[in-house]
Amino acid sequence: MPGHGAEDPGRAQRLLVPLLRPVMLTTAEGAATSVHIASAPDLDQVSGRFFAKRTPRRSSAASYDEAAAAKLWNVSAEIAGLTPAG
């Protein structure tokens, strides 16, 4: 039935969450890296790094695409009503 999901968006969630729960993180597990980075004294001078499971990692190749980053910045500025960078 087309559009049925729009009428009850929670239905898919009620069906999928029990199946995905074994691989989902708890709230505490999900927050652990952010809490570690925010509170670890040895990281207070670290900036601009990507972390996963409390350790620095190389982010995806796409995250190093400077042209894409500039385009995203300009589109975001335009949406926010700001003047995009030249």
PDB file of N, CA and C in Angstrom:
ATOM      1  N   MET A   1       0.842  -1.165   0.000  1.00  0.00           N
ATOM      2  CA  MET A   1       0.000   0.000   0.000  1.00  0.00           C
ATOM      3  C   MET A   1       0.893   1.237   0.000  1.00  0.00           C
ATOM      4  N   PRO A   2       0.932   2.006  -1.114  1.00  0.00           N
ATOM      5  CA  PRO A   2       1.786   3.186  -1.212  1.00  0.00           C
ATOM      6  C   PRO A   2       1.445   4.223  -0.153  1.00  0.00           C
ATOM      7  N   GLY A   3       2.476   4.843   0.390  1.00  0.00           N
ATOM      8  CA  GLY A   3       2.269   5.906   1.368  1.00  0.00           C
ATOM      9  C   GLY A   3       1.965   5.425   2.769  1.00  0.00           C
ATOM     10  N   HIS A   4       1.823   4.122   2.949  1.00  0.00           N
ATOM     11  CA  HIS A   4       1.436   3.613   4.263  1.00  0.00           C
ATOM     12  C   HIS A   4       2.477   3.942   5.322  1.00  0.00           C
ATOM     13  N   GLY A   5       3.768   3.889   4.951  1.00  0.00           N
ATOM     14  CA  GLY A   5       4.826   4.202   5.895  1.00  0.00           C
ATOM     15  C   GLY A   5       4.749   5.632   6.387  1.00  0.00           C
ATOM     16  N   ALA A   6       4.306   6.536   5.516  1.00  0.00           N
ATOM     17  CA  ALA A   6       4.178   7.933   5.903  1.00  0.00           C
ATOM     18  C   ALA A   6       3.077   8.110   6.941  1.00  0.00           C
ATOM     19  N   GLU A   7       2.085   7.239   6.904  1.00  0.00           N
ATOM     20  CA  GLU A   7       0.994   7.334   7.870  1.00  0.00           C
ATOM     21  C   GLU A   7       1.399   6.794   9.229  1.00  0.00           C
ATOM     22  N   ASP A   8       2.330   5.850   9.261  1.00  0.00           N
ATOM     23  CA  ASP A   8       2.784   5.263  10.520  1.00  0.00           C
ATOM     24  C   ASP A   8       4.296   5.066  10.463  1.00  0.00           C
ATOM     25  N   PRO A   9       5.072   6.159  10.620  1.00  0.00           N
ATOM     26  CA  PRO A   9       6.522   6.018  10.496  1.00  0.00           C
ATOM     27  C   PRO A   9       7.133   5.126  11.573  1.00  0.00           C
ATOM     28  N   GLY A  10       6.453   4.917  12.678  1.00  0.00           N
ATOM     29  CA  GLY A  10       6.979   4.078  13.740  1.00  0.00           C
ATOM     30  C   GLY A  10       6.882   2.599  13.438  1.00  0.00           C
ATOM     31  N   ARG A  11       6.072   2.233  12.466  1.00  0.00           N
ATOM     32  CA  ARG A  11       5.874   0.815  12.146  1.00  0.00           C
ATOM     33  C   ARG A  11       7.180   0.152  11.717  1.00  0.00           C
ATOM     34  N   ALA A  12       7.905   0.790  10.803  1.00  0.00           N
ATOM     35  CA  ALA A  12       9.178   0.228  10.347  1.00  0.00           C
ATOM     36  C   ALA A  12      10.156   0.123  11.513  1.00  0.00           C
ATOM     37  N   GLN A  13      10.155   1.131  12.349  1.00  0.00           N
ATOM     38  CA  GLN A  13      11.050   1.114  13.512  1.00  0.00           C
ATOM     39  C   GLN A  13      10.692  -0.036  14.441  1.00  0.00           C
ATOM     40  N   ARG A  14       9.401  -0.240  14.686  1.00  0.00           N
ATOM     41  CA  ARG A  14       8.985  -1.339  15.575  1.00  0.00           C
ATOM     42  C   ARG A  14       9.366  -2.694  15.000  1.00  0.00           C
ATOM     43  N   LEU A  15       9.398  -2.804  13.683  1.00  0.00           N
ATOM     44  CA  LEU A  15       9.753  -4.068  13.043  1.00  0.00           C
ATOM     45  C   LEU A  15      11.267  -4.287  12.979  1.00  0.00           C
ATOM     46  N   LEU A  16      12.022  -3.222  12.699  1.00  0.00           N
ATOM     47  CA  LEU A  16      13.460  -3.367  12.475  1.00  0.00           C
ATOM     48  C   LEU A  16      14.307  -3.326  13.740  1.00  0.00           C
ATOM     49  N   VAL A  17      13.942  -2.510  14.703  1.00  0.00           N
ATOM     50  CA  VAL A  17      14.789  -2.365  15.894  1.00  0.00           C
ATOM     51  C   VAL A  17      15.034  -3.689  16.606  1.00  0.00           C
ATOM     52  N   PRO A  18      14.023  -4.524  16.829  1.00  0.00           N
ATOM     53  CA  PRO A  18      14.324  -5.804  17.490  1.00  0.00           C
ATOM     54  C   PRO A  18      15.324  -6.666  16.710  1.00  0.00           C
ATOM     55  N   LEU A  19      15.295  -6.573  15.391  1.00  0.00           N
ATOM     56  CA  LEU A  19      16.233  -7.343  14.576  1.00  0.00           C
ATOM     57  C   LEU A  19      17.646  -6.764  14.634  1.00  0.00           C
ATOM     58  N   LEU A  20      17.746  -5.439  14.740  1.00  0.00           N
ATOM     59  CA  LEU A  20      19.040  -4.772  14.736  1.00  0.00           C
ATOM     60  C   LEU A  20      19.650  -4.608  16.130  1.00  0.00           C
ATOM     61  N   ARG A  21      18.840  -4.786  17.159  1.00  0.00           N
ATOM     62  CA  ARG A  21      19.318  -4.550  18.522  1.00  0.00           C
ATOM     63  C   ARG A  21      20.622  -5.273  18.862  1.00  0.00           C
ATOM     64  N   PRO A  22      20.840  -6.519  18.427  1.00  0.00           N
ATOM     65  CA  PRO A  22      22.102  -7.200  18.772  1.00  0.00           C
ATOM     66  C   PRO A  22      23.349  -6.482  18.258  1.00  0.00           C
ATOM     67  N   VAL A  23      23.243  -5.692  17.200  1.00  0.00           N
ATOM     68  CA  VAL A  23      24.414  -4.997  16.659  1.00  0.00           C
ATOM     69  C   VAL A  23      24.409  -3.506  16.981  1.00  0.00           C
ATOM     70  N   MET A  24      23.400  -3.036  17.694  1.00  0.00           N
ATOM     71  CA  MET A  24      23.314  -1.619  18.055  1.00  0.00           C
ATOM     72  C   MET A  24      24.114  -1.360  19.336  1.00  0.00           C
ATOM     73  N   LEU A  25      24.663  -0.150  19.439  1.00  0.00           N
ATOM     74  CA  LEU A  25      25.368   0.251  20.645  1.00  0.00           C
ATOM     75  C   LEU A  25      24.382   0.762  21.682  1.00  0.00           C
ATOM     76  N   THR A  26      24.716   0.610  22.935  1.00  0.00           N
ATOM     77  CA  THR A  26      23.925   1.247  23.981  1.00  0.00           C
ATOM     78  C   THR A  26      24.242   2.736  23.952  1.00  0.00           C
ATOM     79  N   THR A  27      23.464   3.524  24.657  1.00  0.00           N
ATOM     80  CA  THR A  27      23.711   4.960  24.735  1.00  0.00           C
ATOM     81  C   THR A  27      25.105   5.231  25.284  1.00  0.00           C
ATOM     82  N   ALA A  28      25.474   4.539  26.339  1.00  0.00           N
ATOM     83  CA  ALA A  28      26.793   4.730  26.943  1.00  0.00           C
ATOM     84  C   ALA A  28      27.911   4.336  25.980  1.00  0.00           C
ATOM     85  N   GLU A  29      27.737   3.235  25.257  1.00  0.00           N
ATOM     86  CA  GLU A  29      28.753   2.816  24.290  1.00  0.00           C
ATOM     87  C   GLU A  29      28.882   3.833  23.158  1.00  0.00           C
ATOM     88  N   GLY A  30      27.755   4.347  22.706  1.00  0.00           N
ATOM     89  CA  GLY A  30      27.762   5.333  21.630  1.00  0.00           C
ATOM     90  C   GLY A  30      28.430   6.634  22.041  1.00  0.00           C
ATOM     91  N   ALA A  31      28.298   6.994  23.302  1.00  0.00           N
ATOM     92  CA  ALA A  31      28.869   8.244  23.801  1.00  0.00           C
ATOM     93  C   ALA A  31      30.312   8.105  24.271  1.00  0.00           C
ATOM     94  N   ALA A  32      30.799   6.897  24.449  1.00  0.00           N
ATOM     95  CA  ALA A  32      32.109   6.669  25.069  1.00  0.00           C
ATOM     96  C   ALA A  32      33.244   7.411  24.382  1.00  0.00           C
ATOM     97  N   THR A  33      33.299   7.400  23.054  1.00  0.00           N
ATOM     98  CA  THR A  33      34.386   8.078  22.363  1.00  0.00           C
ATOM     99  C   THR A  33      34.298   9.582  22.557  1.00  0.00           C
ATOM    100  N   SER A  34      33.105  10.159  22.427  1.00  0.00           N
ATOM    101  CA  SER A  34      32.949  11.607  22.619  1.00  0.00           C
ATOM    102  C   SER A  34      33.317  12.020  24.037  1.00  0.00           C
ATOM    103  N   VAL A  35      32.882  11.249  25.013  1.00  0.00           N
ATOM    104  CA  VAL A  35      33.195  11.556  26.413  1.00  0.00           C
ATOM    105  C   VAL A  35      34.703  11.452  26.636  1.00  0.00           C
ATOM    106  N   HIS A  36      35.315  10.418  26.077  1.00  0.00           N
ATOM    107  CA  HIS A  36      36.767  10.240  26.222  1.00  0.00           C
ATOM    108  C   HIS A  36      37.517  11.434  25.632  1.00  0.00           C
ATOM    109  N   ILE A  37      37.151  11.831  24.426  1.00  0.00           N
ATOM    110  CA  ILE A  37      37.842  12.939  23.759  1.00  0.00           C
ATOM    111  C   ILE A  37      37.657  14.242  24.537  1.00  0.00           C
ATOM    112  N   ALA A  38      36.460  14.461  25.059  1.00  0.00           N
ATOM    113  CA  ALA A  38      36.180  15.691  25.796  1.00  0.00           C
ATOM    114  C   ALA A  38      36.854  15.740  27.153  1.00  0.00           C
ATOM    115  N   SER A  39      37.168  14.600  27.723  1.00  0.00           N
ATOM    116  CA  SER A  39      37.675  14.599  29.100  1.00  0.00           C
ATOM    117  C   SER A  39      39.111  14.111  29.271  1.00  0.00           C
ATOM    118  N   ALA A  40      39.729  13.558  28.252  1.00  0.00           N
ATOM    119  CA  ALA A  40      41.094  13.033  28.382  1.00  0.00           C
ATOM    120  C   ALA A  40      42.104  14.179  28.367  1.00  0.00           C
ATOM    121  N   PRO A  41      42.853  14.367  29.448  1.00  0.00           N
ATOM    122  CA  PRO A  41      43.831  15.460  29.508  1.00  0.00           C
ATOM    123  C   PRO A  41      44.873  15.399  28.386  1.00  0.00           C
ATOM    124  N   ASP A  42      45.239  14.205  27.965  1.00  0.00           N
ATOM    125  CA  ASP A  42      46.251  14.087  26.916  1.00  0.00           C
ATOM    126  C   ASP A  42      45.731  14.477  25.529  1.00  0.00           C
ATOM    127  N   LEU A  43      44.431  14.753  25.412  1.00  0.00           N
ATOM    128  CA  LEU A  43      43.858  15.151  24.126  1.00  0.00           C
ATOM    129  C   LEU A  43      43.461  16.626  24.094  1.00  0.00           C
ATOM    130  N   ASP A  44      43.790  17.387  25.145  1.00  0.00           N
ATOM    131  CA  ASP A  44      43.312  18.767  25.194  1.00  0.00           C
ATOM    132  C   ASP A  44      43.933  19.665  24.124  1.00  0.00           C
ATOM    133  N   GLN A  45      45.018  19.249  23.501  1.00  0.00           N
ATOM    134  CA  GLN A  45      45.619  20.025  22.415  1.00  0.00           C
ATOM    135  C   GLN A  45      45.332  19.412  21.040  1.00  0.00           C
ATOM    136  N   VAL A  46      44.547  18.341  21.008  1.00  0.00           N
ATOM    137  CA  VAL A  46      44.226  17.664  19.746  1.00  0.00           C
ATOM    138  C   VAL A  46      43.003  18.320  19.126  1.00  0.00           C
ATOM    139  N   SER A  47      43.099  18.637  17.841  1.00  0.00           N
ATOM    140  CA  SER A  47      41.986  19.270  17.141  1.00  0.00           C
ATOM    141  C   SER A  47      41.944  18.769  15.700  1.00  0.00           C
ATOM    142  N   GLY A  48      40.745  18.585  15.191  1.00  0.00           N
ATOM    143  CA  GLY A  48      40.582  18.205  13.798  1.00  0.00           C
ATOM    144  C   GLY A  48      40.866  16.749  13.475  1.00  0.00           C
ATOM    145  N   ARG A  49      40.975  15.911  14.469  1.00  0.00           N
ATOM    146  CA  ARG A  49      41.222  14.493  14.239  1.00  0.00           C
ATOM    147  C   ARG A  49      39.914  13.725  14.245  1.00  0.00           C
ATOM    148  N   PHE A  50      39.890  12.591  13.579  1.00  0.00           N
ATOM    149  CA  PHE A  50      38.751  11.685  13.553  1.00  0.00           C
ATOM    150  C   PHE A  50      39.062  10.545  14.511  1.00  0.00           C
ATOM    151  N   PHE A  51      38.117  10.213  15.367  1.00  0.00           N
ATOM    152  CA  PHE A  51      38.295   9.133  16.326  1.00  0.00           C
ATOM    153  C   PHE A  51      37.197   8.094  16.138  1.00  0.00           C
ATOM    154  N   ALA A  52      37.542   6.841  16.346  1.00  0.00           N
ATOM    155  CA  ALA A  52      36.577   5.746  16.365  1.00  0.00           C
ATOM    156  C   ALA A  52      37.018   4.791  17.463  1.00  0.00           C
ATOM    157  N   LYS A  53      36.097   4.411  18.285  1.00  0.00           N
ATOM    158  CA  LYS A  53      36.388   3.517  19.416  1.00  0.00           C
ATOM    159  C   LYS A  53      37.558   4.044  20.244  1.00  0.00           C
ATOM    160  N   ARG A  54      37.519   5.343  20.520  1.00  0.00           N
ATOM    161  CA  ARG A  54      38.466   6.054  21.378  1.00  0.00           C
ATOM    162  C   ARG A  54      39.882   6.154  20.828  1.00  0.00           C
ATOM    163  N   THR A  55      40.095   5.794  19.572  1.00  0.00           N
ATOM    164  CA  THR A  55      41.424   5.907  18.997  1.00  0.00           C
ATOM    165  C   THR A  55      41.392   6.736  17.712  1.00  0.00           C
ATOM    166  N   PRO A  56      42.465   7.516  17.457  1.00  0.00           N
ATOM    167  CA  PRO A  56      42.503   8.302  16.219  1.00  0.00           C
ATOM    168  C   PRO A  56      42.552   7.375  15.006  1.00  0.00           C
ATOM    169  N   ARG A  57      41.795   7.728  14.009  1.00  0.00           N
ATOM    170  CA  ARG A  57      41.743   6.942  12.765  1.00  0.00           C
ATOM    171  C   ARG A  57      41.781   7.904  11.585  1.00  0.00           C
ATOM    172  N   ARG A  58      42.108   7.371  10.444  1.00  0.00           N
ATOM    173  CA  ARG A  58      42.024   8.150   9.204  1.00  0.00           C
ATOM    174  C   ARG A  58      40.566   8.111   8.771  1.00  0.00           C
ATOM    175  N   SER A  59      40.023   9.276   8.498  1.00  0.00           N
ATOM    176  CA  SER A  59      38.627   9.323   8.052  1.00  0.00           C
ATOM    177  C   SER A  59      38.540   8.889   6.588  1.00  0.00           C
ATOM    178  N   SER A  60      37.334   8.838   6.062  1.00  0.00           N
ATOM    179  CA  SER A  60      37.123   8.357   4.695  1.00  0.00           C
ATOM    180  C   SER A  60      37.847   9.245   3.688  1.00  0.00           C
ATOM    181  N   ALA A  61      38.129   8.695   2.528  1.00  0.00           N
ATOM    182  CA  ALA A  61      38.795   9.449   1.465  1.00  0.00           C
ATOM    183  C   ALA A  61      37.970  10.683   1.086  1.00  0.00           C
ATOM    184  N   ALA A  62      36.653  10.545   1.103  1.00  0.00           N
ATOM    185  CA  ALA A  62      35.790  11.670   0.740  1.00  0.00           C
ATOM    186  C   ALA A  62      35.980  12.858   1.677  1.00  0.00           C
ATOM    187  N   SER A  63      36.364  12.610   2.909  1.00  0.00           N
ATOM    188  CA  SER A  63      36.523  13.713   3.861  1.00  0.00           C
ATOM    189  C   SER A  63      37.741  14.580   3.545  1.00  0.00           C
ATOM    190  N   TYR A  64      38.607  14.133   2.651  1.00  0.00           N
ATOM    191  CA  TYR A  64      39.788  14.897   2.258  1.00  0.00           C
ATOM    192  C   TYR A  64      39.579  15.646   0.941  1.00  0.00           C
ATOM    193  N   ASP A  65      38.379  15.571   0.384  1.00  0.00           N
ATOM    194  CA  ASP A  65      38.060  16.218  -0.888  1.00  0.00           C
ATOM    195  C   ASP A  65      37.788  17.701  -0.637  1.00  0.00           C
ATOM    196  N   GLU A  66      38.780  18.552  -0.891  1.00  0.00           N
ATOM    197  CA  GLU A  66      38.658  19.974  -0.588  1.00  0.00           C
ATOM    198  C   GLU A  66      37.623  20.669  -1.465  1.00  0.00           C
ATOM    199  N   ALA A  67      37.469  20.237  -2.724  1.00  0.00           N
ATOM    200  CA  ALA A  67      36.460  20.834  -3.600  1.00  0.00           C
ATOM    201  C   ALA A  67      35.060  20.538  -3.076  1.00  0.00           C
ATOM    202  N   ALA A  68      34.836  19.301  -2.643  1.00  0.00           N
ATOM    203  CA  ALA A  68      33.530  18.932  -2.086  1.00  0.00           C
ATOM    204  C   ALA A  68      33.273  19.693  -0.787  1.00  0.00           C
ATOM    205  N   ALA A  69      34.314  19.854   0.031  1.00  0.00           N
ATOM    206  CA  ALA A  69      34.165  20.589   1.293  1.00  0.00           C
ATOM    207  C   ALA A  69      33.788  22.040   1.024  1.00  0.00           C
ATOM    208  N   ALA A  70      34.421  22.666   0.053  1.00  0.00           N
ATOM    209  CA  ALA A  70      34.112  24.061  -0.289  1.00  0.00           C
ATOM    210  C   ALA A  70      32.683  24.178  -0.808  1.00  0.00           C
ATOM    211  N   LYS A  71      32.270  23.222  -1.625  1.00  0.00           N
ATOM    212  CA  LYS A  71      30.903  23.249  -2.158  1.00  0.00           C
ATOM    213  C   LYS A  71      29.887  23.090  -1.024  1.00  0.00           C
ATOM    214  N   LEU A  72      30.147  22.157  -0.113  1.00  0.00           N
ATOM    215  CA  LEU A  72      29.249  21.950   1.022  1.00  0.00           C
ATOM    216  C   LEU A  72      29.176  23.213   1.885  1.00  0.00           C
ATOM    217  N   TRP A  73      30.321  23.834   2.123  1.00  0.00           N
ATOM    218  CA  TRP A  73      30.365  25.062   2.914  1.00  0.00           C
ATOM    219  C   TRP A  73      29.510  26.147   2.257  1.00  0.00           C
ATOM    220  N   ASN A  74      29.676  26.333   0.946  1.00  0.00           N
ATOM    221  CA  ASN A  74      28.931  27.369   0.236  1.00  0.00           C
ATOM    222  C   ASN A  74      27.434  27.084   0.201  1.00  0.00           C
ATOM    223  N   VAL A  75      27.046  25.847  -0.034  1.00  0.00           N
ATOM    224  CA  VAL A  75      25.628  25.481  -0.031  1.00  0.00           C
ATOM    225  C   VAL A  75      25.035  25.699   1.365  1.00  0.00           C
ATOM    226  N   SER A  76      25.779  25.289   2.393  1.00  0.00           N
ATOM    227  CA  SER A  76      25.308  25.469   3.771  1.00  0.00           C
ATOM    228  C   SER A  76      25.158  26.946   4.114  1.00  0.00           C
ATOM    229  N   ALA A  77      26.127  27.764   3.694  1.00  0.00           N
ATOM    230  CA  ALA A  77      26.059  29.206   3.938  1.00  0.00           C
ATOM    231  C   ALA A  77      24.843  29.804   3.243  1.00  0.00           C
ATOM    232  N   GLU A  78      24.600  29.376   2.018  1.00  0.00           N
ATOM    233  CA  GLU A  78      23.448  29.880   1.271  1.00  0.00           C
ATOM    234  C   GLU A  78      22.138  29.509   1.966  1.00  0.00           C
ATOM    235  N   ILE A  79      22.025  28.271   2.398  1.00  0.00           N
ATOM    236  CA  ILE A  79      20.811  27.826   3.107  1.00  0.00           C
ATOM    237  C   ILE A  79      20.619  28.609   4.389  1.00  0.00           C
ATOM    238  N   ALA A  80      21.723  28.914   5.066  1.00  0.00           N
ATOM    239  CA  ALA A  80      21.654  29.651   6.334  1.00  0.00           C
ATOM    240  C   ALA A  80      21.480  31.144   6.122  1.00  0.00           C
ATOM    241  N   GLY A  81      21.474  31.589   4.866  1.00  0.00           N
ATOM    242  CA  GLY A  81      21.303  33.004   4.592  1.00  0.00           C
ATOM    243  C   GLY A  81      22.564  33.816   4.778  1.00  0.00           C
ATOM    244  N   LEU A  82      23.717  33.160   4.712  1.00  0.00           N
ATOM    245  CA  LEU A  82      25.004  33.837   4.860  1.00  0.00           C
ATOM    246  C   LEU A  82      25.635  34.020   3.485  1.00  0.00           C
ATOM    247  N   THR A  83      26.633  34.835   3.389  1.00  0.00           N
ATOM    248  CA  THR A  83      27.339  35.032   2.143  1.00  0.00           C
ATOM    249  C   THR A  83      28.349  33.901   1.958  1.00  0.00           C
ATOM    250  N   PRO A  84      28.215  33.110   0.882  1.00  0.00           N
ATOM    251  CA  PRO A  84      29.179  32.028   0.669  1.00  0.00           C
ATOM    252  C   PRO A  84      30.585  32.576   0.472  1.00  0.00           C
ATOM    253  N   ALA A  85      31.578  31.775   0.818  1.00  0.00           N
ATOM    254  CA  ALA A  85      32.984  32.156   0.605  1.00  0.00           C
ATOM    255  C   ALA A  85      33.273  32.167  -0.870  1.00  0.00           C
ATOM    256  N   GLY A  86      34.183  33.029  -1.302  1.00  0.00           N
ATOM    257  CA  GLY A  86      34.554  33.149  -2.724  1.00  0.00           C
ATOM    258  C   GLY A  86      35.176  31.932  -3.199  1.00  0.00           C
TER     259      GLY A  86
END
